[in-house]
Amino acid sequence: GLLQLSQLLHFAYFGSLIAPHEVGLFFHEQGEIWESLAGVA
């Protein structure tokens, strides 16, 4: 579920699929990520 949901939420927000080099951003940009998702809930 986490694999699927993260991809679908990423596409819903960014309009693109998760790139391998983007995975690392989750670990040091979590605050910005959750704030962005909350803004387009």
PDB file of all heavy atoms in Angstrom:
ATOM      1  N   GLY A   1       0.810  -1.216   0.000  1.00  0.00           N
ATOM      2  CA  GLY A   1       0.000   0.000   0.000  1.00  0.00           C
ATOM      3  C   GLY A   1       0.839   1.261   0.000  1.00  0.00           C
ATOM      4  O   GLY A   1       0.525   2.238  -0.696  1.00  0.00           O
ATOM      5  N   LEU A   2       1.940   1.255   0.784  1.00  0.00           N
ATOM      6  CA  LEU A   2       2.815   2.432   0.812  1.00  0.00           C
ATOM      7  C   LEU A   2       3.472   2.659  -0.539  1.00  0.00           C
ATOM      8  O   LEU A   2       3.621   3.806  -0.989  1.00  0.00           O
ATOM      9  CB  LEU A   2       3.882   2.263   1.897  1.00  0.00           C
ATOM     10  CG  LEU A   2       3.396   2.407   3.341  1.00  0.00           C
ATOM     11  CD1 LEU A   2       4.518   2.075   4.323  1.00  0.00           C
ATOM     12  CD2 LEU A   2       2.888   3.823   3.591  1.00  0.00           C
ATOM     13  N   LEU A   3       3.887   1.572  -1.200  1.00  0.00           N
ATOM     14  CA  LEU A   3       4.477   1.705  -2.525  1.00  0.00           C
ATOM     15  C   LEU A   3       3.484   2.347  -3.493  1.00  0.00           C
ATOM     16  O   LEU A   3       3.813   3.289  -4.228  1.00  0.00           O
ATOM     17  CB  LEU A   3       4.910   0.346  -3.068  1.00  0.00           C
ATOM     18  CG  LEU A   3       6.101  -0.347  -2.394  1.00  0.00           C
ATOM     19  CD1 LEU A   3       6.391  -1.680  -3.064  1.00  0.00           C
ATOM     20  CD2 LEU A   3       7.355   0.528  -2.427  1.00  0.00           C
ATOM     21  N   GLN A   4       2.261   1.824  -3.487  1.00  0.00           N
ATOM     22  CA  GLN A   4       1.258   2.328  -4.430  1.00  0.00           C
ATOM     23  C   GLN A   4       0.817   3.748  -4.087  1.00  0.00           C
ATOM     24  O   GLN A   4       0.738   4.614  -4.965  1.00  0.00           O
ATOM     25  CB  GLN A   4       0.045   1.395  -4.442  1.00  0.00           C
ATOM     26  CG  GLN A   4       0.314   0.075  -5.137  1.00  0.00           C
ATOM     27  CD  GLN A   4      -0.946  -0.778  -5.205  1.00  0.00           C
ATOM     28  OE1 GLN A   4      -1.434  -1.232  -4.187  1.00  0.00           O
ATOM     29  NE2 GLN A   4      -1.456  -0.993  -6.393  1.00  0.00           N
ATOM     30  N   LEU A   5       0.527   3.979  -2.810  1.00  0.00           N
ATOM     31  CA  LEU A   5      -0.012   5.277  -2.421  1.00  0.00           C
ATOM     32  C   LEU A   5       1.001   6.399  -2.663  1.00  0.00           C
ATOM     33  O   LEU A   5       0.643   7.481  -3.139  1.00  0.00           O
ATOM     34  CB  LEU A   5      -0.427   5.267  -0.947  1.00  0.00           C
ATOM     35  CG  LEU A   5      -1.171   6.518  -0.456  1.00  0.00           C
ATOM     36  CD1 LEU A   5      -2.465   6.716  -1.228  1.00  0.00           C
ATOM     37  CD2 LEU A   5      -1.449   6.418   1.036  1.00  0.00           C
ATOM     38  N   SER A   6       2.269   6.143  -2.357  1.00  0.00           N
ATOM     39  CA  SER A   6       3.278   7.185  -2.572  1.00  0.00           C
ATOM     40  C   SER A   6       3.384   7.545  -4.055  1.00  0.00           C
ATOM     41  O   SER A   6       3.508   8.726  -4.403  1.00  0.00           O
ATOM     42  CB  SER A   6       4.641   6.722  -2.032  1.00  0.00           C
ATOM     43  OG  SER A   6       5.058   5.520  -2.675  1.00  0.00           O
ATOM     44  N   GLN A   7       3.300   6.556  -4.919  1.00  0.00           N
ATOM     45  CA  GLN A   7       3.380   6.840  -6.358  1.00  0.00           C
ATOM     46  C   GLN A   7       2.156   7.614  -6.836  1.00  0.00           C
ATOM     47  O   GLN A   7       2.271   8.600  -7.582  1.00  0.00           O
ATOM     48  CB  GLN A   7       3.485   5.524  -7.137  1.00  0.00           C
ATOM     49  CG  GLN A   7       3.751   5.680  -8.617  1.00  0.00           C
ATOM     50  CD  GLN A   7       5.164   6.135  -8.911  1.00  0.00           C
ATOM     51  OE1 GLN A   7       5.385   7.296  -9.238  1.00  0.00           O
ATOM     52  NE2 GLN A   7       6.129   5.238  -8.776  1.00  0.00           N
ATOM     53  N   LEU A   8       0.972   7.177  -6.413  1.00  0.00           N
ATOM     54  CA  LEU A   8      -0.252   7.827  -6.867  1.00  0.00           C
ATOM     55  C   LEU A   8      -0.377   9.242  -6.313  1.00  0.00           C
ATOM     56  O   LEU A   8      -0.814  10.158  -7.018  1.00  0.00           O
ATOM     57  CB  LEU A   8      -1.469   6.984  -6.466  1.00  0.00           C
ATOM     58  CG  LEU A   8      -1.563   5.608  -7.133  1.00  0.00           C
ATOM     59  CD1 LEU A   8      -2.772   4.840  -6.597  1.00  0.00           C
ATOM     60  CD2 LEU A   8      -1.645   5.718  -8.642  1.00  0.00           C
ATOM     61  N   LEU A   9       0.024   9.444  -5.048  1.00  0.00           N
ATOM     62  CA  LEU A   9      -0.016  10.795  -4.484  1.00  0.00           C
ATOM     63  C   LEU A   9       0.998  11.706  -5.172  1.00  0.00           C
ATOM     64  O   LEU A   9       0.729  12.882  -5.417  1.00  0.00           O
ATOM     65  CB  LEU A   9       0.251  10.756  -2.980  1.00  0.00           C
ATOM     66  CG  LEU A   9      -0.834  10.121  -2.104  1.00  0.00           C
ATOM     67  CD1 LEU A   9      -0.418  10.165  -0.643  1.00  0.00           C
ATOM     68  CD2 LEU A   9      -2.178  10.815  -2.285  1.00  0.00           C
ATOM     69  N   HIS A  10       2.164  11.156  -5.478  1.00  0.00           N
ATOM     70  CA  HIS A  10       3.182  11.929  -6.185  1.00  0.00           C
ATOM     71  C   HIS A  10       2.652  12.371  -7.542  1.00  0.00           C
ATOM     72  O   HIS A  10       2.816  13.528  -7.946  1.00  0.00           O
ATOM     73  CB  HIS A  10       4.452  11.082  -6.360  1.00  0.00           C
ATOM     74  CG  HIS A  10       5.616  11.825  -6.934  1.00  0.00           C
ATOM     75  ND1 HIS A  10       5.749  12.071  -8.286  1.00  0.00           N
ATOM     76  CD2 HIS A  10       6.707  12.390  -6.340  1.00  0.00           C
ATOM     77  CE1 HIS A  10       6.872  12.736  -8.502  1.00  0.00           C
ATOM     78  NE2 HIS A  10       7.479  12.947  -7.343  1.00  0.00           N
ATOM     79  N   PHE A  11       2.004  11.456  -8.237  1.00  0.00           N
ATOM     80  CA  PHE A  11       1.466  11.805  -9.561  1.00  0.00           C
ATOM     81  C   PHE A  11       0.333  12.814  -9.433  1.00  0.00           C
ATOM     82  O   PHE A  11       0.219  13.744 -10.236  1.00  0.00           O
ATOM     83  CB  PHE A  11       0.977  10.555 -10.288  1.00  0.00           C
ATOM     84  CG  PHE A  11       0.744  10.792 -11.756  1.00  0.00           C
ATOM     85  CD1 PHE A  11       1.750  10.577 -12.675  1.00  0.00           C
ATOM     86  CD2 PHE A  11      -0.482  11.258 -12.220  1.00  0.00           C
ATOM     87  CE1 PHE A  11       1.551  10.821 -14.028  1.00  0.00           C
ATOM     88  CE2 PHE A  11      -0.692  11.506 -13.563  1.00  0.00           C
ATOM     89  CZ  PHE A  11       0.328  11.289 -14.467  1.00  0.00           C
ATOM     90  N   ALA A  12      -0.511  12.622  -8.423  1.00  0.00           N
ATOM     91  CA  ALA A  12      -1.632  13.549  -8.233  1.00  0.00           C
ATOM     92  C   ALA A  12      -1.146  14.968  -7.964  1.00  0.00           C
ATOM     93  O   ALA A  12      -1.756  15.944  -8.411  1.00  0.00           O
ATOM     94  CB  ALA A  12      -2.517  13.068  -7.078  1.00  0.00           C
ATOM     95  N   TYR A  13      -0.014  15.091  -7.272  1.00  0.00           N
ATOM     96  CA  TYR A  13       0.496  16.423  -6.928  1.00  0.00           C
ATOM     97  C   TYR A  13       1.406  16.990  -8.017  1.00  0.00           C
ATOM     98  O   TYR A  13       1.219  18.116  -8.485  1.00  0.00           O
ATOM     99  CB  TYR A  13       1.245  16.381  -5.604  1.00  0.00           C
ATOM    100  CG  TYR A  13       1.762  17.745  -5.183  1.00  0.00           C
ATOM    101  CD1 TYR A  13       0.888  18.710  -4.696  1.00  0.00           C
ATOM    102  CD2 TYR A  13       3.110  18.070  -5.291  1.00  0.00           C
ATOM    103  CE1 TYR A  13       1.343  19.969  -4.324  1.00  0.00           C
ATOM    104  CE2 TYR A  13       3.574  19.322  -4.923  1.00  0.00           C
ATOM    105  CZ  TYR A  13       2.686  20.265  -4.441  1.00  0.00           C
ATOM    106  OH  TYR A  13       3.143  21.511  -4.077  1.00  0.00           O
ATOM    107  N   PHE A  14       2.402  16.195  -8.429  1.00  0.00           N
ATOM    108  CA  PHE A  14       3.413  16.700  -9.358  1.00  0.00           C
ATOM    109  C   PHE A  14       3.057  16.451 -10.824  1.00  0.00           C
ATOM    110  O   PHE A  14       3.611  17.088 -11.721  1.00  0.00           O
ATOM    111  CB  PHE A  14       4.778  16.057  -9.074  1.00  0.00           C
ATOM    112  CG  PHE A  14       5.378  16.468  -7.763  1.00  0.00           C
ATOM    113  CD1 PHE A  14       5.338  15.617  -6.676  1.00  0.00           C
ATOM    114  CD2 PHE A  14       5.982  17.703  -7.618  1.00  0.00           C
ATOM    115  CE1 PHE A  14       5.898  15.981  -5.462  1.00  0.00           C
ATOM    116  CE2 PHE A  14       6.541  18.085  -6.406  1.00  0.00           C
ATOM    117  CZ  PHE A  14       6.501  17.219  -5.323  1.00  0.00           C
ATOM    118  N   GLY A  15       2.156  15.496 -11.074  1.00  0.00           N
ATOM    119  CA  GLY A  15       1.854  15.153 -12.457  1.00  0.00           C
ATOM    120  C   GLY A  15       2.929  14.309 -13.115  1.00  0.00           C
ATOM    121  O   GLY A  15       2.989  14.200 -14.334  1.00  0.00           O
ATOM    122  N   SER A  16       3.796  13.701 -12.307  1.00  0.00           N
ATOM    123  CA  SER A  16       4.869  12.869 -12.848  1.00  0.00           C
ATOM    124  C   SER A  16       5.112  11.690 -11.916  1.00  0.00           C
ATOM    125  O   SER A  16       4.704  11.692 -10.757  1.00  0.00           O
ATOM    126  CB  SER A  16       6.161  13.680 -13.011  1.00  0.00           C
ATOM    127  OG  SER A  16       6.614  14.151 -11.752  1.00  0.00           O
ATOM    128  N   LEU A  17       5.808  10.683 -12.428  1.00  0.00           N
ATOM    129  CA  LEU A  17       6.118   9.487 -11.654  1.00  0.00           C
ATOM    130  C   LEU A  17       7.384   9.700 -10.829  1.00  0.00           C
ATOM    131  O   LEU A  17       8.242  10.513 -11.175  1.00  0.00           O
ATOM    132  CB  LEU A  17       6.294   8.295 -12.592  1.00  0.00           C
ATOM    133  CG  LEU A  17       5.065   7.959 -13.446  1.00  0.00           C
ATOM    134  CD1 LEU A  17       5.431   6.950 -14.534  1.00  0.00           C
ATOM    135  CD2 LEU A  17       3.938   7.406 -12.578  1.00  0.00           C
ATOM    136  N   ILE A  18       7.503   8.954  -9.746  1.00  0.00           N
ATOM    137  CA  ILE A  18       8.657   9.094  -8.863  1.00  0.00           C
ATOM    138  C   ILE A  18       9.913   8.621  -9.582  1.00  0.00           C
ATOM    139  O   ILE A  18       9.969   7.505 -10.115  1.00  0.00           O
ATOM    140  CB  ILE A  18       8.458   8.287  -7.573  1.00  0.00           C
ATOM    141  CG1 ILE A  18       7.286   8.851  -6.764  1.00  0.00           C
ATOM    142  CG2 ILE A  18       9.725   8.297  -6.723  1.00  0.00           C
ATOM    143  CD1 ILE A  18       6.937   8.019  -5.545  1.00  0.00           C
ATOM    144  N   ALA A  19      10.928   9.468  -9.574  1.00  0.00           N
ATOM    145  CA  ALA A  19      12.217   9.105 -10.151  1.00  0.00           C
ATOM    146  C   ALA A  19      13.105   8.500  -9.080  1.00  0.00           C
ATOM    147  O   ALA A  19      13.008   8.871  -7.907  1.00  0.00           O
ATOM    148  CB  ALA A  19      12.887  10.340 -10.738  1.00  0.00           C
ATOM    149  N   PRO A  20      13.983   7.566  -9.442  1.00  0.00           N
ATOM    150  CA  PRO A  20      14.870   6.962  -8.437  1.00  0.00           C
ATOM    151  C   PRO A  20      15.659   7.996  -7.643  1.00  0.00           C
ATOM    152  O   PRO A  20      15.846   7.840  -6.435  1.00  0.00           O
ATOM    153  CB  PRO A  20      15.794   6.090  -9.289  1.00  0.00           C
ATOM    154  CG  PRO A  20      14.967   5.726 -10.475  1.00  0.00           C
ATOM    155  CD  PRO A  20      14.133   6.935 -10.761  1.00  0.00           C
ATOM    156  N   HIS A  21      16.111   9.070  -8.302  1.00  0.00           N
ATOM    157  CA  HIS A  21      16.915  10.071  -7.613  1.00  0.00           C
ATOM    158  C   HIS A  21      16.075  10.954  -6.685  1.00  0.00           C
ATOM    159  O   HIS A  21      16.625  11.718  -5.897  1.00  0.00           O
ATOM    160  CB  HIS A  21      17.635  10.953  -8.637  1.00  0.00           C
ATOM    161  CG  HIS A  21      18.615  10.200  -9.485  1.00  0.00           C
ATOM    162  ND1 HIS A  21      19.861   9.840  -9.034  1.00  0.00           N
ATOM    163  CD2 HIS A  21      18.528   9.717 -10.746  1.00  0.00           C
ATOM    164  CE1 HIS A  21      20.511   9.190  -9.984  1.00  0.00           C
ATOM    165  NE2 HIS A  21      19.722   9.104 -11.031  1.00  0.00           N
ATOM    166  N   GLU A  22      14.750  10.852  -6.786  1.00  0.00           N
ATOM    167  CA  GLU A  22      13.884  11.652  -5.930  1.00  0.00           C
ATOM    168  C   GLU A  22      13.593  10.992  -4.592  1.00  0.00           C
ATOM    169  O   GLU A  22      13.148  11.659  -3.647  1.00  0.00           O
ATOM    170  CB  GLU A  22      12.545  11.926  -6.627  1.00  0.00           C
ATOM    171  CG  GLU A  22      12.616  12.918  -7.774  1.00  0.00           C
ATOM    172  CD  GLU A  22      11.232  13.173  -8.348  1.00  0.00           C
ATOM    173  OE1 GLU A  22      10.623  12.213  -8.848  1.00  0.00           O
ATOM    174  OE2 GLU A  22      10.768  14.317  -8.286  1.00  0.00           O
ATOM    175  N   VAL A  23      13.806   9.693  -4.488  1.00  0.00           N
ATOM    176  CA  VAL A  23      13.434   8.968  -3.277  1.00  0.00           C
ATOM    177  C   VAL A  23      14.147   9.549  -2.062  1.00  0.00           C
ATOM    178  O   VAL A  23      13.555   9.712  -0.990  1.00  0.00           O
ATOM    179  CB  VAL A  23      13.753   7.466  -3.426  1.00  0.00           C
ATOM    180  CG1 VAL A  23      13.477   6.723  -2.117  1.00  0.00           C
ATOM    181  CG2 VAL A  23      12.926   6.859  -4.565  1.00  0.00           C
ATOM    182  N   GLY A  24      15.415   9.909  -2.224  1.00  0.00           N
ATOM    183  CA  GLY A  24      16.181  10.446  -1.116  1.00  0.00           C
ATOM    184  C   GLY A  24      15.656  11.765  -0.587  1.00  0.00           C
ATOM    185  O   GLY A  24      15.906  12.123   0.578  1.00  0.00           O
ATOM    186  N   LEU A  25      14.920  12.517  -1.425  1.00  0.00           N
ATOM    187  CA  LEU A  25      14.387  13.802  -0.976  1.00  0.00           C
ATOM    188  C   LEU A  25      13.417  13.642   0.187  1.00  0.00           C
ATOM    189  O   LEU A  25      13.273  14.542   1.012  1.00  0.00           O
ATOM    190  CB  LEU A  25      13.679  14.515  -2.139  1.00  0.00           C
ATOM    191  CG  LEU A  25      14.548  14.931  -3.324  1.00  0.00           C
ATOM    192  CD1 LEU A  25      13.679  15.538  -4.421  1.00  0.00           C
ATOM    193  CD2 LEU A  25      15.616  15.918  -2.885  1.00  0.00           C
ATOM    194  N   PHE A  26      12.745  12.493   0.234  1.00  0.00           N
ATOM    195  CA  PHE A  26      11.753  12.263   1.285  1.00  0.00           C
ATOM    196  C   PHE A  26      12.376  12.366   2.676  1.00  0.00           C
ATOM    197  O   PHE A  26      11.731  12.814   3.624  1.00  0.00           O
ATOM    198  CB  PHE A  26      11.104  10.897   1.100  1.00  0.00           C
ATOM    199  CG  PHE A  26      10.132  10.543   2.194  1.00  0.00           C
ATOM    200  CD1 PHE A  26       8.853  11.072   2.190  1.00  0.00           C
ATOM    201  CD2 PHE A  26      10.495   9.697   3.232  1.00  0.00           C
ATOM    202  CE1 PHE A  26       7.951  10.769   3.201  1.00  0.00           C
ATOM    203  CE2 PHE A  26       9.604   9.379   4.245  1.00  0.00           C
ATOM    204  CZ  PHE A  26       8.322   9.921   4.230  1.00  0.00           C
ATOM    205  N   PHE A  27      13.648  11.989   2.792  1.00  0.00           N
ATOM    206  CA  PHE A  27      14.267  11.899   4.117  1.00  0.00           C
ATOM    207  C   PHE A  27      14.765  13.245   4.637  1.00  0.00           C
ATOM    208  O   PHE A  27      15.026  13.377   5.826  1.00  0.00           O
ATOM    209  CB  PHE A  27      15.415  10.885   4.075  1.00  0.00           C
ATOM    210  CG  PHE A  27      14.948   9.497   3.745  1.00  0.00           C
ATOM    211  CD1 PHE A  27      15.058   9.011   2.454  1.00  0.00           C
ATOM    212  CD2 PHE A  27      14.367   8.696   4.713  1.00  0.00           C
ATOM    213  CE1 PHE A  27      14.612   7.732   2.141  1.00  0.00           C
ATOM    214  CE2 PHE A  27      13.918   7.421   4.408  1.00  0.00           C
ATOM    215  CZ  PHE A  27      14.043   6.940   3.115  1.00  0.00           C
ATOM    216  N   HIS A  28      14.922  14.237   3.746  1.00  0.00           N
ATOM    217  CA  HIS A  28      15.364  15.534   4.263  1.00  0.00           C
ATOM    218  C   HIS A  28      14.459  16.686   3.835  1.00  0.00           C
ATOM    219  O   HIS A  28      14.786  17.837   4.073  1.00  0.00           O
ATOM    220  CB  HIS A  28      16.814  15.818   3.869  1.00  0.00           C
ATOM    221  CG  HIS A  28      17.076  15.794   2.392  1.00  0.00           C
ATOM    222  ND1 HIS A  28      16.857  16.884   1.583  1.00  0.00           N
ATOM    223  CD2 HIS A  28      17.552  14.809   1.596  1.00  0.00           C
ATOM    224  CE1 HIS A  28      17.202  16.576   0.351  1.00  0.00           C
ATOM    225  NE2 HIS A  28      17.614  15.338   0.327  1.00  0.00           N
ATOM    226  N   GLU A  29      13.307  16.356   3.231  1.00  0.00           N
ATOM    227  CA  GLU A  29      12.341  17.400   2.887  1.00  0.00           C
ATOM    228  C   GLU A  29      10.937  17.004   3.338  1.00  0.00           C
ATOM    229  O   GLU A  29       9.942  17.380   2.737  1.00  0.00           O
ATOM    230  CB  GLU A  29      12.352  17.672   1.380  1.00  0.00           C
ATOM    231  CG  GLU A  29      13.654  18.285   0.886  1.00  0.00           C
ATOM    232  CD  GLU A  29      13.589  18.657  -0.585  1.00  0.00           C
ATOM    233  OE1 GLU A  29      12.483  18.607  -1.164  1.00  0.00           O
ATOM    234  OE2 GLU A  29      14.643  18.992  -1.158  1.00  0.00           O
ATOM    235  N   GLN A  30      10.858  16.214   4.424  1.00  0.00           N
ATOM    236  CA  GLN A  30       9.563  15.699   4.850  1.00  0.00           C
ATOM    237  C   GLN A  30       8.592  16.815   5.203  1.00  0.00           C
ATOM    238  O   GLN A  30       7.413  16.766   4.830  1.00  0.00           O
ATOM    239  CB  GLN A  30       9.742  14.775   6.059  1.00  0.00           C
ATOM    240  CG  GLN A  30      10.323  13.428   5.706  1.00  0.00           C
ATOM    241  CD  GLN A  30      10.198  12.438   6.837  1.00  0.00           C
ATOM    242  OE1 GLN A  30       9.194  12.441   7.561  1.00  0.00           O
ATOM    243  NE2 GLN A  30      11.191  11.586   7.002  1.00  0.00           N
ATOM    244  N   GLY A  31       9.076  17.834   5.931  1.00  0.00           N
ATOM    245  CA  GLY A  31       8.180  18.923   6.324  1.00  0.00           C
ATOM    246  C   GLY A  31       7.546  19.592   5.127  1.00  0.00           C
ATOM    247  O   GLY A  31       6.331  19.832   5.091  1.00  0.00           O
ATOM    248  N   GLU A  32       8.363  19.885   4.106  1.00  0.00           N
ATOM    249  CA  GLU A  32       7.852  20.538   2.899  1.00  0.00           C
ATOM    250  C   GLU A  32       6.886  19.635   2.147  1.00  0.00           C
ATOM    251  O   GLU A  32       5.870  20.079   1.614  1.00  0.00           O
ATOM    252  CB  GLU A  32       9.026  20.922   1.999  1.00  0.00           C
ATOM    253  CG  GLU A  32       8.610  21.659   0.732  1.00  0.00           C
ATOM    254  CD  GLU A  32       9.801  22.043  -0.120  1.00  0.00           C
ATOM    255  OE1 GLU A  32      10.927  22.098   0.418  1.00  0.00           O
ATOM    256  OE2 GLU A  32       9.601  22.284  -1.318  1.00  0.00           O
ATOM    257  N   ILE A  33       7.197  18.332   2.119  1.00  0.00           N
ATOM    258  CA  ILE A  33       6.343  17.378   1.410  1.00  0.00           C
ATOM    259  C   ILE A  33       4.958  17.315   2.047  1.00  0.00           C
ATOM    260  O   ILE A  33       3.933  17.431   1.366  1.00  0.00           O
ATOM    261  CB  ILE A  33       7.001  15.978   1.394  1.00  0.00           C
ATOM    262  CG1 ILE A  33       8.240  15.995   0.491  1.00  0.00           C
ATOM    263  CG2 ILE A  33       5.998  14.924   0.915  1.00  0.00           C
ATOM    264  CD1 ILE A  33       9.074  14.728   0.583  1.00  0.00           C
ATOM    265  N   TRP A  34       4.914  17.141   3.363  1.00  0.00           N
ATOM    266  CA  TRP A  34       3.614  17.027   4.027  1.00  0.00           C
ATOM    267  C   TRP A  34       2.837  18.333   3.977  1.00  0.00           C
ATOM    268  O   TRP A  34       1.612  18.336   3.826  1.00  0.00           O
ATOM    269  CB  TRP A  34       3.801  16.577   5.481  1.00  0.00           C
ATOM    270  CG  TRP A  34       4.321  15.179   5.601  1.00  0.00           C
ATOM    271  CD1 TRP A  34       5.501  14.782   6.142  1.00  0.00           C
ATOM    272  CD2 TRP A  34       3.684  13.980   5.130  1.00  0.00           C
ATOM    273  NE1 TRP A  34       5.650  13.423   6.047  1.00  0.00           N
ATOM    274  CE2 TRP A  34       4.547  12.894   5.431  1.00  0.00           C
ATOM    275  CE3 TRP A  34       2.481  13.712   4.479  1.00  0.00           C
ATOM    276  CZ2 TRP A  34       4.249  11.586   5.109  1.00  0.00           C
ATOM    277  CZ3 TRP A  34       2.170  12.397   4.166  1.00  0.00           C
ATOM    278  CH2 TRP A  34       3.047  11.353   4.476  1.00  0.00           C
ATOM    279  N   GLU A  35       3.545  19.452   4.064  1.00  0.00           N
ATOM    280  CA  GLU A  35       2.873  20.748   3.957  1.00  0.00           C
ATOM    281  C   GLU A  35       2.256  20.925   2.573  1.00  0.00           C
ATOM    282  O   GLU A  35       1.129  21.412   2.433  1.00  0.00           O
ATOM    283  CB  GLU A  35       3.877  21.866   4.238  1.00  0.00           C
ATOM    284  CG  GLU A  35       3.243  23.262   4.205  1.00  0.00           C
ATOM    285  CD  GLU A  35       4.264  24.355   4.471  1.00  0.00           C
ATOM    286  OE1 GLU A  35       5.422  24.028   4.812  1.00  0.00           O
ATOM    287  OE2 GLU A  35       3.897  25.537   4.350  1.00  0.00           O
ATOM    288  N   SER A  36       2.984  20.502   1.543  1.00  0.00           N
ATOM    289  CA  SER A  36       2.479  20.621   0.183  1.00  0.00           C
ATOM    290  C   SER A  36       1.258  19.736  -0.035  1.00  0.00           C
ATOM    291  O   SER A  36       0.254  20.155  -0.621  1.00  0.00           O
ATOM    292  CB  SER A  36       3.581  20.240  -0.818  1.00  0.00           C
ATOM    293  OG  SER A  36       4.689  21.114  -0.695  1.00  0.00           O
ATOM    294  N   LEU A  37       1.342  18.504   0.468  1.00  0.00           N
ATOM    295  CA  LEU A  37       0.209  17.582   0.305  1.00  0.00           C
ATOM    296  C   LEU A  37      -1.027  18.085   1.047  1.00  0.00           C
ATOM    297  O   LEU A  37      -2.144  17.980   0.542  1.00  0.00           O
ATOM    298  CB  LEU A  37       0.598  16.187   0.806  1.00  0.00           C
ATOM    299  CG  LEU A  37       1.618  15.417  -0.037  1.00  0.00           C
ATOM    300  CD1 LEU A  37       1.952  14.093   0.621  1.00  0.00           C
ATOM    301  CD2 LEU A  37       1.108  15.184  -1.451  1.00  0.00           C
ATOM    302  N   ALA A  38      -0.816  18.639   2.237  1.00  0.00           N
ATOM    303  CA  ALA A  38      -1.954  19.153   3.010  1.00  0.00           C
ATOM    304  C   ALA A  38      -2.639  20.302   2.278  1.00  0.00           C
ATOM    305  O   ALA A  38      -3.864  20.472   2.350  1.00  0.00           O
ATOM    306  CB  ALA A  38      -1.488  19.615   4.391  1.00  0.00           C
ATOM    307  N   GLY A  39      -1.854  21.076   1.551  1.00  0.00           N
ATOM    308  CA  GLY A  39      -2.416  22.218   0.839  1.00  0.00           C
ATOM    309  C   GLY A  39      -3.276  21.842  -0.347  1.00  0.00           C
ATOM    310  O   GLY A  39      -4.056  22.656  -0.833  1.00  0.00           O
ATOM    311  N   VAL A  40      -3.104  20.620  -0.839  1.00  0.00           N
ATOM    312  CA  VAL A  40      -3.901  20.174  -2.003  1.00  0.00           C
ATOM    313  C   VAL A  40      -4.642  18.885  -1.662  1.00  0.00           C
ATOM    314  O   VAL A  40      -4.827  18.017  -2.516  1.00  0.00           O
ATOM    315  CB  VAL A  40      -3.003  19.976  -3.244  1.00  0.00           C
ATOM    316  CG1 VAL A  40      -2.486  21.298  -3.757  1.00  0.00           C
ATOM    317  CG2 VAL A  40      -1.834  19.029  -2.929  1.00  0.00           C
ATOM    318  N   ALA A  41      -5.058  18.773  -0.415  1.00  0.00           N
ATOM    319  CA  ALA A  41      -5.694  17.546   0.069  1.00  0.00           C
ATOM    320  C   ALA A  41      -6.844  17.057  -0.817  1.00  0.00           C
ATOM    321  O   ALA A  41      -6.976  15.845  -1.041  1.00  0.00           O
ATOM    322  CB  ALA A  41      -6.164  17.752   1.506  1.00  0.00           C
TER     323      ALA A  41
END
